[in-house]
Amino acid sequence: MSKRSCRNSLLLSLALCIGAAAPASSLTLEKGKREPVVVTSNRMEADHLGEQVTFSGAVTLKKEDVTLHADTLRVFYDPRSKGVREIRARGNVKVLQEGRVALAEKAVYFSNEEKIILTGDARVIENDNQVGGERITLFIRENRSFVEGGNVLFYQDGKPDDRKPRPLRRPGK
């Protein structure tokens, strides 16, 4: 068997294991569905008896309507439940979901809370509007976000020449 097909077989096997181990609500807005998580990359390495799996090189993770791209991706499993506990993405992180794009240098997904924390030049773009900050928390289940130390570019209706950005008002100020 060639190295490439062996690697693809390993990745396919691991993707199936991740899909089987992932909780039903993992990286999804819809409850009750159990869709597989599919990860592709140039390299995969399992550590600590399968409690951690690291993907590197052109990493893409797909789960229903969410697609994540990164340089490296580390998946942490709960040793008791064997479900996905946390996913850490690093380097050129891009999260695509329903007309929104989130960009950052780092992203951490917490399975139990269904939230993603973006750091390192974090920003979310939707249509012509953009929010950026030191740290952006995306609450997947609630379809809301929280921005810390940042600003918002929000365009009102009008001609493109008339568009003026409106600054973010921080809570309590």
Protein backbone atom coordinates (compact mmCIF):
# COMPACT_ATOMS: atom_id res chain seq x y z
CA MET A 1 0.00 0.00 0.00
CA SER A 2 1.44 3.42 -0.90
CA LYS A 3 2.19 6.04 1.75
CA ARG A 4 -0.54 8.35 0.41
CA SER A 5 -3.30 5.73 0.49
CA CYS A 6 -2.12 4.59 3.93
CA ARG A 7 -2.32 8.19 5.17
CA ASN A 8 -5.75 8.63 3.61
CA SER A 9 -6.93 5.39 5.23
CA LEU A 10 -5.68 6.61 8.60
CA LEU A 11 -7.39 9.96 8.15
CA LEU A 12 -10.63 8.32 7.07
CA SER A 13 -10.52 5.96 10.07
CA LEU A 14 -9.82 8.83 12.43
CA ALA A 15 -12.58 10.98 10.92
CA LEU A 16 -15.02 8.13 11.47
CA CYS A 17 -13.84 7.77 15.08
CA ILE A 18 -14.20 11.51 15.68
CA GLY A 19 -17.70 11.44 14.21
CA ALA A 20 -18.69 8.51 16.39
CA ALA A 21 -17.18 10.04 19.52
CA ALA A 22 -18.44 13.58 18.98
CA PRO A 23 -21.48 14.58 21.02
CA ALA A 24 -24.67 15.13 19.05
CA SER A 25 -24.51 18.89 19.62
CA SER A 26 -20.88 19.29 18.63
CA LEU A 27 -20.31 22.22 16.22
CA THR A 28 -23.95 22.43 15.23
CA LEU A 29 -26.90 24.73 15.70
CA GLU A 30 -29.46 21.97 15.31
CA LYS A 31 -30.07 19.68 18.25
CA GLY A 32 -30.77 15.99 17.97
CA LYS A 33 -28.77 15.42 14.79
CA ARG A 34 -25.63 13.33 14.84
CA GLU A 35 -23.55 14.27 11.84
CA PRO A 36 -19.97 13.09 11.42
CA VAL A 37 -17.06 15.47 11.80
CA VAL A 38 -14.74 15.17 8.79
CA VAL A 39 -11.15 16.36 9.15
CA THR A 40 -8.63 16.43 6.33
CA SER A 41 -4.97 17.39 6.65
CA ASN A 42 -1.50 16.56 5.38
CA ARG A 43 -0.51 14.87 8.65
CA MET A 44 -2.16 13.32 11.72
CA GLU A 45 -0.63 12.27 15.05
CA ALA A 46 -2.38 10.64 18.05
CA ASP A 47 -0.99 11.11 21.58
CA HIS A 48 -1.79 9.91 25.09
CA LEU A 49 -3.59 6.73 24.11
CA GLY A 50 -5.94 8.56 21.78
CA GLU A 51 -6.88 11.35 24.20
CA GLN A 52 -5.33 13.92 21.82
CA VAL A 53 -5.13 13.98 18.06
CA THR A 54 -3.14 16.62 16.20
CA PHE A 55 -3.74 17.46 12.54
CA SER A 56 -1.28 19.67 10.67
CA GLY A 57 -0.86 21.08 7.19
CA ALA A 58 -3.85 22.43 5.26
CA VAL A 59 -6.36 21.36 7.93
CA THR A 60 -10.07 21.46 7.13
CA LEU A 61 -12.77 20.44 9.59
CA LYS A 62 -16.37 20.09 8.34
CA LYS A 63 -19.40 19.59 10.54
CA GLU A 64 -22.81 20.22 9.00
CA ASP A 65 -22.92 23.93 8.06
CA VAL A 66 -19.61 24.85 9.78
CA THR A 67 -16.24 24.66 8.03
CA LEU A 68 -12.98 25.47 9.80
CA HIS A 69 -9.59 25.93 8.14
CA ALA A 70 -6.29 26.20 10.06
CA ASP A 71 -2.59 25.37 9.92
CA THR A 72 -2.90 22.99 12.89
CA LEU A 73 -5.81 21.50 14.79
CA ARG A 74 -5.65 19.61 18.08
CA VAL A 75 -8.65 17.58 19.26
CA PHE A 76 -8.89 16.69 22.97
CA TYR A 77 -11.15 13.85 24.09
CA ASP A 78 -12.74 13.33 27.49
CA PRO A 79 -11.12 10.16 28.87
CA ARG A 80 -14.38 9.02 30.50
CA SER A 81 -17.00 9.71 27.85
CA LYS A 82 -14.58 9.45 24.88
CA GLY A 83 -16.42 12.44 23.39
CA VAL A 84 -14.76 15.57 22.01
CA ARG A 85 -14.03 17.91 24.93
CA GLU A 86 -12.14 20.70 23.18
CA ILE A 87 -10.71 21.61 19.78
CA ARG A 88 -7.83 24.08 19.40
CA ALA A 89 -7.04 25.59 16.01
CA ARG A 90 -3.91 27.63 15.37
CA GLY A 91 -2.54 29.63 12.45
CA ASN A 92 -4.64 31.31 9.74
CA VAL A 93 -7.90 30.21 11.35
CA LYS A 94 -11.00 30.73 9.24
CA VAL A 95 -14.49 29.63 10.37
CA LEU A 96 -17.24 29.72 7.74
CA GLN A 97 -20.93 29.46 8.65
CA GLU A 98 -24.10 30.68 6.94
CA GLY A 99 -22.78 33.86 5.30
CA ARG A 100 -20.40 34.70 8.15
CA VAL A 101 -16.63 34.43 8.18
CA ALA A 102 -14.61 34.49 11.40
CA LEU A 103 -10.84 35.02 11.16
CA ALA A 104 -8.15 34.75 13.85
CA GLU A 105 -4.74 33.34 14.66
CA LYS A 106 -6.18 31.03 17.33
CA ALA A 107 -9.57 29.49 18.04
CA VAL A 108 -10.69 27.21 20.86
CA TYR A 109 -13.98 25.30 20.65
CA PHE A 110 -15.52 24.07 23.91
CA SER A 111 -17.90 21.20 23.20
CA ASN A 112 -19.98 21.27 26.41
CA GLU A 113 -20.66 25.00 26.15
CA GLU A 114 -20.82 25.08 22.36
CA LYS A 115 -18.68 28.19 22.13
CA ILE A 116 -15.66 29.27 20.12
CA ILE A 117 -13.15 31.78 21.48
CA LEU A 118 -11.16 33.62 18.81
CA THR A 119 -7.92 35.48 19.65
CA GLY A 120 -5.08 37.07 17.70
CA ASP A 121 -6.40 39.69 15.27
CA ALA A 122 -9.88 38.20 15.70
CA ARG A 123 -12.68 39.47 13.47
CA VAL A 124 -16.06 38.40 12.17
CA ILE A 125 -17.37 39.56 8.81
CA GLU A 126 -21.00 39.40 7.73
CA ASN A 127 -22.07 41.17 4.55
CA ASP A 128 -20.39 44.62 4.70
CA ASN A 129 -20.26 44.66 8.50
CA GLN A 130 -17.20 43.69 10.47
CA VAL A 131 -16.43 43.30 14.16
CA GLY A 132 -12.91 42.92 15.49
CA GLY A 133 -11.34 42.61 18.90
CA GLU A 134 -8.70 41.16 21.16
CA ARG A 135 -11.05 38.30 21.96
CA ILE A 136 -14.34 37.30 20.35
CA THR A 137 -16.56 34.62 21.86
CA LEU A 138 -19.08 32.99 19.54
CA PHE A 139 -21.94 31.21 21.32
CA ILE A 140 -23.06 28.70 18.70
CA ARG A 141 -26.23 27.44 20.40
CA GLU A 142 -27.49 30.96 21.13
CA ASN A 143 -26.34 32.48 17.81
CA ARG A 144 -24.71 35.45 19.57
CA SER A 145 -21.23 36.81 20.16
CA PHE A 146 -19.29 38.83 22.72
CA VAL A 147 -16.42 41.14 21.75
CA GLU A 148 -13.70 42.26 24.16
CA GLY A 149 -11.31 45.11 23.41
CA GLY A 150 -12.46 45.83 19.89
CA ASN A 151 -14.50 47.82 17.46
CA VAL A 152 -17.33 47.42 15.00
CA LEU A 153 -17.67 48.69 11.46
CA PHE A 154 -21.41 48.89 10.86
CA TYR A 155 -22.75 50.37 7.65
CA GLN A 156 -26.19 51.92 7.44
CA ASP A 157 -28.32 51.77 4.31
CA GLY A 158 -27.31 54.19 1.63
CA LYS A 159 -24.99 54.58 -1.28
CA PRO A 160 -21.53 53.03 -0.83
CA ASP A 161 -20.02 56.56 -0.74
CA ASP A 162 -22.37 57.53 2.12
CA ARG A 163 -21.39 54.59 4.32
CA LYS A 164 -19.79 55.65 7.57
CA PRO A 165 -18.50 53.24 10.20
CA ARG A 166 -20.07 53.39 13.64
CA PRO A 167 -17.73 52.62 16.57
CA LEU A 168 -18.45 49.88 19.09
CA ARG A 169 -19.89 50.92 22.42
CA ARG A 170 -18.43 48.78 25.12
CA PRO A 171 -20.77 47.56 27.90
CA GLY A 172 -20.78 49.89 30.90
CA LYS A 173 -19.37 52.89 29.03
